[in-house]
Every structure is written in structure tokens, then in C-alpha cells.
Amino acid sequence: MQKTRFKKTLSFAVCLVLVAAIALFITGCNGENTPTENSTAATTAIEAPEASPSEMGQGKTQFNFSITFPDKTQKDFIIKTDKTTVGEALQELGLIDGEKGPYGLYVKKVNGVELDYDTHGKYWAFYIDGEMAMTGVDSTGIEPGVAYSFVAVDA
């Protein structure tokens, strides 16, 4: 009688384990690929911010520069230069490119990513200390302690 009871209990436990395994399998194969915060897929799909900004250029003047890309990722730089304007320094390092217009340099490419309002419906906006700039990048003098950035903006 004890053997029969043991066999029934063991069979019940094995059935529970099998049901749990099947439930996990079905949940894992539901067709959705939504990684959790702790999964490896999440850490590889969304890269963590850089620990320290990349240093670029040479010169006596230094300023912080960041780029916020269309996918909302950000890249930070410390720019060293002897140029007098932010635009000159960034162009010299190949970080920005554009064309001269009636209001100064119209920046269409930042760190190799091209955005043109007429083509993409997005554009690069120039910011000074987190505020949209009232001057163009090519006419903005470099000031100590001030952070400059370009942000991809949907029109």
C-alpha cells in the first residue's frame, strides 16, 4: 500500500513538473520578442551610455559636446581646439557638415548621420546648455564651461 501511495505521489510530482515545463515553453515561444531589463538581449540591443566622453582634437580651448541621434541614443565628446567658434571646431573634426545658407551654416550631417528637413522630415537642432540656440553653430563663440549639442528633431 505504501508503494502505491509513493508511486501516486511521484507520478503527481512528475506531472506537475511536466505541466510547468510546458507552460514555460509555451510562454517562451509566444512569438513576441520583448526582452526584460535583466536579459542579455536587452543589454546588447540598447547599449549603455559611454562611461566617459570621447576626446577629440588638440588645442588650448576645451568644451563639452553631445549628439542625440534620431533613435534617442546619445554620444558625448570633449572637444579640444584652437578655433574660436563651435562650428569651426566641429567642422574641423568632421563632426558636422552642411551648406551655407542665408542664416549661416545649415547643418545636415552630424557624426555621419544625415537629416534634411525637406528629405527626411527631421533636422538637427543646435543647443547651448540644454536650450535651443538663438545663434547658428558657425557664429557661436566657444565659452568656458558651456555645453553644446545637436539633437535630432522630428518636424
Foldseek 3Di string as FASTA:
>chain_A
DVVVVVVVVVVVVVVVVVVVVVVVVCVVPVPDDDDDPPDPVVCVVDPDADPDAAEDDAADDWAKEKEQDPVRDMHIYIYHDPDFFQVVRCVVRVQWDADQDPQGGQTQHGNRDGDDCVPHQKGKFKDKQNHGDPHDRVPHTDDPPIYIYIYIGHD
